[in-house]
Amino acid sequence: SNVETFNMNGTIRISFEEAEFIYQEQTYYLNDKLGILNTIIQNERKNNAFNIKKNICLNGYIKTKEQNKNNGFGSLGQYDKAIFVQSICKND
C-alpha cells in the first residue's frame, strides 16, 4: 500500500492525554508511531512543558475514519481524522 505523503504546515498540541495536529483549521489525531517527534517532545519536557504547542511542518499522510474500518482515532476514538507522521519537513 503505497501512500501519498505530503508536507503540512500546522501546529502540534501535545498533553499527557492526547496528541493533536491542527492543520488548515482542522484537528487531527497525531499518530507518531515512528517516534519522529520524540526529540522535540523530550526537549520541551525538559523545560517543564506539560502542554507542548509548536508550529511545525510535518510530512505524512491523512487517514479518515472511513479508511480505518469506521474506527475513530485516539484512545477514545474521538478523532475522525489522523495524520501519520513520516518526517519533519525542512522549511526552506
PDB file of N, CA and C in Angstrom:
ATOM      1  N   SER A   1       0.856  -1.195   0.000  1.00  0.00           N
ATOM      2  CA  SER A   1       0.000   0.000   0.000  1.00  0.00           C
ATOM      3  C   SER A   1       0.885   1.235   0.000  1.00  0.00           C
ATOM      4  N   ASN A   2       1.142   1.764  -1.178  1.00  0.00           N
ATOM      5  CA  ASN A   2       1.959   2.964  -1.266  1.00  0.00           C
ATOM      6  C   ASN A   2       1.083   4.184  -1.012  1.00  0.00           C
ATOM      7  N   VAL A   3       1.393   4.904   0.037  1.00  0.00           N
ATOM      8  CA  VAL A   3       0.562   6.032   0.437  1.00  0.00           C
ATOM      9  C   VAL A   3       1.244   7.320   0.016  1.00  0.00           C
ATOM     10  N   GLU A   4       0.457   8.219  -0.496  1.00  0.00           N
ATOM     11  CA  GLU A   4       0.958   9.523  -0.911  1.00  0.00           C
ATOM     12  C   GLU A   4       1.164  10.400   0.322  1.00  0.00           C
ATOM     13  N   THR A   5       2.402  10.826   0.564  1.00  0.00           N
ATOM     14  CA  THR A   5       2.640  11.727   1.691  1.00  0.00           C
ATOM     15  C   THR A   5       2.834  13.145   1.167  1.00  0.00           C
ATOM     16  N   PHE A   6       2.557  14.109   2.013  1.00  0.00           N
ATOM     17  CA  PHE A   6       2.767  15.500   1.616  1.00  0.00           C
ATOM     18  C   PHE A   6       3.103  16.338   2.829  1.00  0.00           C
ATOM     19  N   ASN A   7       3.607  17.544   2.580  1.00  0.00           N
ATOM     20  CA  ASN A   7       4.002  18.447   3.651  1.00  0.00           C
ATOM     21  C   ASN A   7       2.809  19.241   4.156  1.00  0.00           C
ATOM     22  N   MET A   8       2.710  19.356   5.467  1.00  0.00           N
ATOM     23  CA  MET A   8       1.620  20.098   6.091  1.00  0.00           C
ATOM     24  C   MET A   8       2.194  21.031   7.138  1.00  0.00           C
ATOM     25  N   ASN A   9       1.965  22.318   6.964  1.00  0.00           N
ATOM     26  CA  ASN A   9       2.361  23.291   7.979  1.00  0.00           C
ATOM     27  C   ASN A   9       1.222  23.425   8.966  1.00  0.00           C
ATOM     28  N   GLY A  10       1.506  23.155  10.227  1.00  0.00           N
ATOM     29  CA  GLY A  10       0.453  23.233  11.227  1.00  0.00           C
ATOM     30  C   GLY A  10       1.031  23.358  12.618  1.00  0.00           C
ATOM     31  N   THR A  11       0.229  23.007  13.590  1.00  0.00           N
ATOM     32  CA  THR A  11       0.611  23.137  14.986  1.00  0.00           C
ATOM     33  C   THR A  11       0.402  21.808  15.702  1.00  0.00           C
ATOM     34  N   ILE A  12       1.460  21.315  16.355  1.00  0.00           N
ATOM     35  CA  ILE A  12       1.250  20.133  17.182  1.00  0.00           C
ATOM     36  C   ILE A  12       0.856  20.600  18.574  1.00  0.00           C
ATOM     37  N   ARG A  13      -0.083  19.884  19.166  1.00  0.00           N
ATOM     38  CA  ARG A  13      -0.506  20.146  20.548  1.00  0.00           C
ATOM     39  C   ARG A  13      -0.424  18.820  21.268  1.00  0.00           C
ATOM     40  N   ILE A  14       0.439  18.766  22.263  1.00  0.00           N
ATOM     41  CA  ILE A  14       0.646  17.507  22.959  1.00  0.00           C
ATOM     42  C   ILE A  14       0.490  17.719  24.458  1.00  0.00           C
ATOM     43  N   SER A  15      -0.408  16.949  25.057  1.00  0.00           N
ATOM     44  CA  SER A  15      -0.538  16.930  26.510  1.00  0.00           C
ATOM     45  C   SER A  15      -0.317  15.491  26.936  1.00  0.00           C
ATOM     46  N   PHE A  16      -0.487  15.202  28.223  1.00  0.00           N
ATOM     47  CA  PHE A  16      -0.305  13.814  28.641  1.00  0.00           C
ATOM     48  C   PHE A  16      -1.433  12.949  28.103  1.00  0.00           C
ATOM     49  N   GLU A  17      -2.594  13.534  27.889  1.00  0.00           N
ATOM     50  CA  GLU A  17      -3.734  12.747  27.440  1.00  0.00           C
ATOM     51  C   GLU A  17      -3.732  12.516  25.942  1.00  0.00           C
ATOM     52  N   GLU A  18      -3.387  13.542  25.192  1.00  0.00           N
ATOM     53  CA  GLU A  18      -3.562  13.423  23.747  1.00  0.00           C
ATOM     54  C   GLU A  18      -2.539  14.194  22.954  1.00  0.00           C
ATOM     55  N   ALA A  19      -2.404  13.791  21.707  1.00  0.00           N
ATOM     56  CA  ALA A  19      -1.510  14.466  20.784  1.00  0.00           C
ATOM     57  C   ALA A  19      -2.333  14.806  19.547  1.00  0.00           C
ATOM     58  N   GLU A  20      -2.329  16.075  19.178  1.00  0.00           N
ATOM     59  CA  GLU A  20      -3.129  16.519  18.046  1.00  0.00           C
ATOM     60  C   GLU A  20      -2.272  17.340  17.097  1.00  0.00           C
ATOM     61  N   PHE A  21      -2.748  17.423  15.881  1.00  0.00           N
ATOM     62  CA  PHE A  21      -2.119  18.277  14.880  1.00  0.00           C
ATOM     63  C   PHE A  21      -3.214  19.146  14.282  1.00  0.00           C
ATOM     64  N   ILE A  22      -3.032  20.448  14.361  1.00  0.00           N
ATOM     65  CA  ILE A  22      -4.009  21.370  13.784  1.00  0.00           C
ATOM     66  C   ILE A  22      -3.472  21.822  12.440  1.00  0.00           C
ATOM     67  N   TYR A  23      -4.223  21.519  11.408  1.00  0.00           N
ATOM     68  CA  TYR A  23      -3.798  21.806  10.038  1.00  0.00           C
ATOM     69  C   TYR A  23      -4.983  22.351   9.271  1.00  0.00           C
ATOM     70  N   GLN A  24      -4.818  23.532   8.700  1.00  0.00           N
ATOM     71  CA  GLN A  24      -5.890  24.201   7.947  1.00  0.00           C
ATOM     72  C   GLN A  24      -7.189  24.218   8.754  1.00  0.00           C
ATOM     73  N   GLU A  25      -7.056  24.608  10.023  1.00  0.00           N
ATOM     74  CA  GLU A  25      -8.178  24.778  10.940  1.00  0.00           C
ATOM     75  C   GLU A  25      -8.935  23.492  11.242  1.00  0.00           C
ATOM     76  N   GLN A  26      -8.345  22.352  10.914  1.00  0.00           N
ATOM     77  CA  GLN A  26      -8.934  21.064  11.279  1.00  0.00           C
ATOM     78  C   GLN A  26      -8.031  20.419  12.326  1.00  0.00           C
ATOM     79  N   THR A  27      -8.634  19.670  13.226  1.00  0.00           N
ATOM     80  CA  THR A  27      -7.865  18.981  14.258  1.00  0.00           C
ATOM     81  C   THR A  27      -7.762  17.503  13.928  1.00  0.00           C
ATOM     82  N   TYR A  28      -6.541  17.017  13.897  1.00  0.00           N
ATOM     83  CA  TYR A  28      -6.256  15.620  13.576  1.00  0.00           C
ATOM     84  C   TYR A  28      -5.637  14.931  14.775  1.00  0.00           C
ATOM     85  N   TYR A  29      -5.916  13.659  14.914  1.00  0.00           N
ATOM     86  CA  TYR A  29      -5.166  12.860  15.878  1.00  0.00           C
ATOM     87  C   TYR A  29      -3.751  12.723  15.326  1.00  0.00           C
ATOM     88  N   LEU A  30      -2.761  12.874  16.202  1.00  0.00           N
ATOM     89  CA  LEU A  30      -1.371  12.812  15.768  1.00  0.00           C
ATOM     90  C   LEU A  30      -0.832  11.409  16.007  1.00  0.00           C
ATOM     91  N   ASN A  31      -0.588  10.674  14.931  1.00  0.00           N
ATOM     92  CA  ASN A  31      -0.049   9.333  15.040  1.00  0.00           C
ATOM     93  C   ASN A  31       1.442   9.387  14.710  1.00  0.00           C
ATOM     94  N   ASP A  32       2.252   9.180  15.732  1.00  0.00           N
ATOM     95  CA  ASP A  32       3.701   9.251  15.554  1.00  0.00           C
ATOM     96  C   ASP A  32       4.336   7.923  15.959  1.00  0.00           C
ATOM     97  N   LYS A  33       3.839   6.860  15.370  1.00  0.00           N
ATOM     98  CA  LYS A  33       4.353   5.522  15.697  1.00  0.00           C
ATOM     99  C   LYS A  33       5.853   5.405  15.447  1.00  0.00           C
ATOM    100  N   LEU A  34       6.359   6.170  14.498  1.00  0.00           N
ATOM    101  CA  LEU A  34       7.784   6.090  14.169  1.00  0.00           C
ATOM    102  C   LEU A  34       8.654   6.882  15.152  1.00  0.00           C
ATOM    103  N   GLY A  35       8.025   7.661  16.025  1.00  0.00           N
ATOM    104  CA  GLY A  35       8.786   8.425  17.015  1.00  0.00           C
ATOM    105  C   GLY A  35       9.555   9.602  16.449  1.00  0.00           C
ATOM    106  N   ILE A  36       9.060  10.123  15.334  1.00  0.00           N
ATOM    107  CA  ILE A  36       9.719  11.255  14.669  1.00  0.00           C
ATOM    108  C   ILE A  36       9.837  12.469  15.607  1.00  0.00           C
ATOM    109  N   LEU A  37       8.830  12.663  16.455  1.00  0.00           N
ATOM    110  CA  LEU A  37       8.788  13.868  17.284  1.00  0.00           C
ATOM    111  C   LEU A  37       9.383  13.671  18.674  1.00  0.00           C
ATOM    112  N   ASN A  38       9.917  12.487  18.949  1.00  0.00           N
ATOM    113  CA  ASN A  38      10.426  12.185  20.299  1.00  0.00           C
ATOM    114  C   ASN A  38      11.428  13.209  20.806  1.00  0.00           C
ATOM    115  N   THR A  39      12.405  13.582  19.952  1.00  0.00           N
ATOM    116  CA  THR A  39      13.442  14.518  20.383  1.00  0.00           C
ATOM    117  C   THR A  39      12.835  15.863  20.740  1.00  0.00           C
ATOM    118  N   ILE A  40      11.937  16.330  19.888  1.00  0.00           N
ATOM    119  CA  ILE A  40      11.271  17.614  20.150  1.00  0.00           C
ATOM    120  C   ILE A  40      10.512  17.551  21.467  1.00  0.00           C
ATOM    121  N   ILE A  41       9.764  16.475  21.660  1.00  0.00           N
ATOM    122  CA  ILE A  41       8.957  16.336  22.866  1.00  0.00           C
ATOM    123  C   ILE A  41       9.836  16.277  24.109  1.00  0.00           C
ATOM    124  N   GLN A  42      10.921  15.491  24.048  1.00  0.00           N
ATOM    125  CA  GLN A  42      11.815  15.388  25.197  1.00  0.00           C
ATOM    126  C   GLN A  42      12.456  16.730  25.524  1.00  0.00           C
ATOM    127  N   ASN A  43      12.854  17.472  24.502  1.00  0.00           N
ATOM    128  CA  ASN A  43      13.454  18.789  24.740  1.00  0.00           C
ATOM    129  C   ASN A  43      12.460  19.729  25.405  1.00  0.00           C
ATOM    130  N   GLU A  44      11.217  19.701  24.943  1.00  0.00           N
ATOM    131  CA  GLU A  44      10.197  20.571  25.523  1.00  0.00           C
ATOM    132  C   GLU A  44       9.894  20.157  26.965  1.00  0.00           C
ATOM    133  N   ARG A  45       9.836  18.849  27.211  1.00  0.00           N
ATOM    134  CA  ARG A  45       9.554  18.357  28.562  1.00  0.00           C
ATOM    135  C   ARG A  45      10.638  18.782  29.553  1.00  0.00           C
ATOM    136  N   LYS A  46      11.886  18.865  29.066  1.00  0.00           N
ATOM    137  CA  LYS A  46      12.984  19.316  29.936  1.00  0.00           C
ATOM    138  C   LYS A  46      12.702  20.712  30.466  1.00  0.00           C
ATOM    139  N   ASN A  47      11.982  21.492  29.686  1.00  0.00           N
ATOM    140  CA  ASN A  47      11.629  22.841  30.119  1.00  0.00           C
ATOM    141  C   ASN A  47      10.327  22.830  30.912  1.00  0.00           C
ATOM    142  N   ASN A  48       9.954  21.658  31.434  1.00  0.00           N
ATOM    143  CA  ASN A  48       8.744  21.520  32.238  1.00  0.00           C
ATOM    144  C   ASN A  48       7.475  21.880  31.474  1.00  0.00           C
ATOM    145  N   ALA A  49       7.499  21.702  30.188  1.00  0.00           N
ATOM    146  CA  ALA A  49       6.299  21.990  29.407  1.00  0.00           C
ATOM    147  C   ALA A  49       5.455  20.715  29.345  1.00  0.00           C
ATOM    148  N   PHE A  50       4.370  20.706  30.094  1.00  0.00           N
ATOM    149  CA  PHE A  50       3.493  19.533  30.051  1.00  0.00           C
ATOM    150  C   PHE A  50       2.617  19.601  28.818  1.00  0.00           C
ATOM    151  N   ASN A  51       2.215  20.815  28.506  1.00  0.00           N
ATOM    152  CA  ASN A  51       1.431  21.005  27.289  1.00  0.00           C
ATOM    153  C   ASN A  51       2.321  21.648  26.253  1.00  0.00           C
ATOM    154  N   ILE A  52       2.615  20.897  25.214  1.00  0.00           N
ATOM    155  CA  ILE A  52       3.501  21.385  24.172  1.00  0.00           C
ATOM    156  C   ILE A  52       2.648  21.912  23.025  1.00  0.00           C
ATOM    157  N   LYS A  53       2.993  23.110  22.585  1.00  0.00           N
ATOM    158  CA  LYS A  53       2.311  23.669  21.418  1.00  0.00           C
ATOM    159  C   LYS A  53       3.396  24.233  20.539  1.00  0.00           C
ATOM    160  N   LYS A  54       3.495  23.734  19.324  1.00  0.00           N
ATOM    161  CA  LYS A  54       4.614  24.118  18.483  1.00  0.00           C
ATOM    162  C   LYS A  54       4.185  24.134  17.020  1.00  0.00           C
ATOM    163  N   ASN A  55       4.518  25.218  16.333  1.00  0.00           N
ATOM    164  CA  ASN A  55       4.272  25.271  14.895  1.00  0.00           C
ATOM    165  C   ASN A  55       5.362  24.473  14.204  1.00  0.00           C
ATOM    166  N   ILE A  56       4.953  23.641  13.270  1.00  0.00           N
ATOM    167  CA  ILE A  56       5.903  22.713  12.666  1.00  0.00           C
ATOM    168  C   ILE A  56       5.388  22.282  11.298  1.00  0.00           C
ATOM    169  N   CYS A  57       6.304  21.859  10.470  1.00  0.00           N
ATOM    170  CA  CYS A  57       5.916  21.298   9.177  1.00  0.00           C
ATOM    171  C   CYS A  57       6.144  19.790   9.250  1.00  0.00           C
ATOM    172  N   LEU A  58       5.086  19.035   9.066  1.00  0.00           N
ATOM    173  CA  LEU A  58       5.179  17.582   9.107  1.00  0.00           C
ATOM    174  C   LEU A  58       4.911  17.001   7.732  1.00  0.00           C
ATOM    175  N   ASN A  59       5.664  15.972   7.395  1.00  0.00           N
ATOM    176  CA  ASN A  59       5.384  15.238   6.168  1.00  0.00           C
ATOM    177  C   ASN A  59       4.717  13.941   6.588  1.00  0.00           C
ATOM    178  N   GLY A  60       3.603  13.635   5.947  1.00  0.00           N
ATOM    179  CA  GLY A  60       2.894  12.422   6.307  1.00  0.00           C
ATOM    180  C   GLY A  60       1.673  12.248   5.446  1.00  0.00           C
ATOM    181  N   TYR A  61       0.789  11.406   5.921  1.00  0.00           N
ATOM    182  CA  TYR A  61      -0.459  11.199   5.186  1.00  0.00           C
ATOM    183  C   TYR A  61      -1.621  11.222   6.163  1.00  0.00           C
ATOM    184  N   ILE A  62      -2.792  11.473   5.617  1.00  0.00           N
ATOM    185  CA  ILE A  62      -4.006  11.588   6.409  1.00  0.00           C
ATOM    186  C   ILE A  62      -4.848  10.342   6.201  1.00  0.00           C
ATOM    187  N   LYS A  63      -5.426   9.873   7.278  1.00  0.00           N
ATOM    188  CA  LYS A  63      -6.344   8.742   7.200  1.00  0.00           C
ATOM    189  C   LYS A  63      -7.655   9.168   7.843  1.00  0.00           C
ATOM    190  N   THR A  64      -8.768   8.849   7.207  1.00  0.00           N
ATOM    191  CA  THR A  64     -10.066   9.191   7.778  1.00  0.00           C
ATOM    192  C   THR A  64     -10.654   7.963   8.461  1.00  0.00           C
ATOM    193  N   LYS A  65     -11.675   8.242   9.257  1.00  0.00           N
ATOM    194  CA  LYS A  65     -12.382   7.178   9.969  1.00  0.00           C
ATOM    195  C   LYS A  65     -12.889   6.126   8.976  1.00  0.00           C
ATOM    196  N   GLU A  66     -13.378   6.589   7.835  1.00  0.00           N
ATOM    197  CA  GLU A  66     -13.893   5.679   6.805  1.00  0.00           C
ATOM    198  C   GLU A  66     -12.808   4.727   6.316  1.00  0.00           C
ATOM    199  N   GLN A  67     -11.604   5.266   6.165  1.00  0.00           N
ATOM    200  CA  GLN A  67     -10.476   4.447   5.694  1.00  0.00           C
ATOM    201  C   GLN A  67      -9.960   3.528   6.793  1.00  0.00           C
ATOM    202  N   ASN A  68     -10.454   3.721   8.002  1.00  0.00           N
ATOM    203  CA  ASN A  68      -9.985   2.968   9.156  1.00  0.00           C
ATOM    204  C   ASN A  68     -11.073   2.002   9.643  1.00  0.00           C
ATOM    205  N   LYS A  69     -11.786   1.409   8.714  1.00  0.00           N
ATOM    206  CA  LYS A  69     -12.882   0.471   9.023  1.00  0.00           C
ATOM    207  C   LYS A  69     -13.901   1.117   9.966  1.00  0.00           C
ATOM    208  N   ASN A  70     -14.093   2.424   9.767  1.00  0.00           N
ATOM    209  CA  ASN A  70     -15.045   3.211  10.563  1.00  0.00           C
ATOM    210  C   ASN A  70     -14.698   3.319  12.045  1.00  0.00           C
ATOM    211  N   ASN A  71     -13.430   3.087  12.371  1.00  0.00           N
ATOM    212  CA  ASN A  71     -12.970   3.296  13.744  1.00  0.00           C
ATOM    213  C   ASN A  71     -12.357   4.681  13.866  1.00  0.00           C
ATOM    214  N   GLY A  72     -12.701   5.361  14.940  1.00  0.00           N
ATOM    215  CA  GLY A  72     -12.098   6.656  15.206  1.00  0.00           C
ATOM    216  C   GLY A  72     -10.678   6.482  15.711  1.00  0.00           C
ATOM    217  N   PHE A  73      -9.977   7.596  15.845  1.00  0.00           N
ATOM    218  CA  PHE A  73      -8.585   7.582  16.293  1.00  0.00           C
ATOM    219  C   PHE A  73      -8.478   8.157  17.699  1.00  0.00           C
ATOM    220  N   GLY A  74      -7.388   7.841  18.372  1.00  0.00           N
ATOM    221  CA  GLY A  74      -7.212   8.310  19.736  1.00  0.00           C
ATOM    222  C   GLY A  74      -7.715   7.262  20.710  1.00  0.00           C
ATOM    223  N   SER A  75      -7.417   7.476  21.995  1.00  0.00           N
ATOM    224  CA  SER A  75      -7.738   6.449  22.982  1.00  0.00           C
ATOM    225  C   SER A  75      -9.234   6.186  23.067  1.00  0.00           C
ATOM    226  N   LEU A  76     -10.032   7.206  22.849  1.00  0.00           N
ATOM    227  CA  LEU A  76     -11.488   7.029  22.918  1.00  0.00           C
ATOM    228  C   LEU A  76     -12.127   7.049  21.537  1.00  0.00           C
ATOM    229  N   GLY A  77     -11.294   7.023  20.513  1.00  0.00           N
ATOM    230  CA  GLY A  77     -11.833   7.066  19.158  1.00  0.00           C
ATOM    231  C   GLY A  77     -12.552   8.357  18.839  1.00  0.00           C
ATOM    232  N   GLN A  78     -12.162   9.436  19.543  1.00  0.00           N
ATOM    233  CA  GLN A  78     -12.903  10.693  19.388  1.00  0.00           C
ATOM    234  C   GLN A  78     -12.502  11.495  18.157  1.00  0.00           C
ATOM    235  N   TYR A  79     -11.404  11.124  17.510  1.00  0.00           N
ATOM    236  CA  TYR A  79     -10.975  11.867  16.318  1.00  0.00           C
ATOM    237  C   TYR A  79     -11.425  11.110  15.073  1.00  0.00           C
ATOM    238  N   ASP A  80     -11.950  11.835  14.109  1.00  0.00           N
ATOM    239  CA  ASP A  80     -12.360  11.143  12.880  1.00  0.00           C
ATOM    240  C   ASP A  80     -11.325  11.252  11.765  1.00  0.00           C
ATOM    241  N   LYS A  81     -10.207  11.950  12.072  1.00  0.00           N
ATOM    242  CA  LYS A  81      -9.108  12.044  11.106  1.00  0.00           C
ATOM    243  C   LYS A  81      -7.793  11.934  11.861  1.00  0.00           C
ATOM    244  N   ALA A  82      -6.811  11.332  11.209  1.00  0.00           N
ATOM    245  CA  ALA A  82      -5.495  11.222  11.838  1.00  0.00           C
ATOM    246  C   ALA A  82      -4.429  11.555  10.821  1.00  0.00           C
ATOM    247  N   ILE A  83      -3.345  12.151  11.302  1.00  0.00           N
ATOM    248  CA  ILE A  83      -2.180  12.336  10.454  1.00  0.00           C
ATOM    249  C   ILE A  83      -1.124  11.352  10.934  1.00  0.00           C
ATOM    250  N   PHE A  84      -0.556  10.620   9.995  1.00  0.00           N
ATOM    251  CA  PHE A  84       0.508   9.665  10.276  1.00  0.00           C
ATOM    252  C   PHE A  84       1.824  10.326   9.868  1.00  0.00           C
ATOM    253  N   VAL A  85       2.627  10.676  10.848  1.00  0.00           N
ATOM    254  CA  VAL A  85       3.863  11.416  10.606  1.00  0.00           C
ATOM    255  C   VAL A  85       4.921  10.504  10.010  1.00  0.00           C
ATOM    256  N   GLN A  86       5.543  10.952   8.937  1.00  0.00           N
ATOM    257  CA  GLN A  86       6.651  10.220   8.320  1.00  0.00           C
ATOM    258  C   GLN A  86       7.984  10.924   8.537  1.00  0.00           C
ATOM    259  N   SER A  87       7.950  12.245   8.574  1.00  0.00           N
ATOM    260  CA  SER A  87       9.168  13.011   8.805  1.00  0.00           C
ATOM    261  C   SER A  87       8.797  14.458   9.132  1.00  0.00           C
ATOM    262  N   ILE A  88       9.813  15.208   9.545  1.00  0.00           N
ATOM    263  CA  ILE A  88       9.651  16.639   9.748  1.00  0.00           C
ATOM    264  C   ILE A  88      10.180  17.313   8.497  1.00  0.00           C
ATOM    265  N   CYS A  89       9.406  18.218   7.915  1.00  0.00           N
ATOM    266  CA  CYS A  89       9.908  18.871   6.700  1.00  0.00           C
ATOM    267  C   CYS A  89      10.825  20.008   7.077  1.00  0.00           C
ATOM    268  N   LYS A  90      11.784  20.230   6.259  1.00  0.00           N
ATOM    269  CA  LYS A  90      12.665  21.378   6.428  1.00  0.00           C
ATOM    270  C   LYS A  90      12.024  22.550   5.694  1.00  0.00           C
ATOM    271  N   ASN A  91      11.746  23.585   6.439  1.00  0.00           N
ATOM    272  CA  ASN A  91      11.199  24.774   5.788  1.00  0.00           C
ATOM    273  C   ASN A  91      12.336  25.586   5.181  1.00  0.00           C
ATOM    274  N   ASP A  92      12.303  25.708   3.890  1.00  0.00           N
ATOM    275  CA  ASP A  92      13.375  26.468   3.230  1.00  0.00           C
ATOM    276  C   ASP A  92      13.070  27.960   3.290  1.00  0.00           C
TER     277      ASP A  92
END
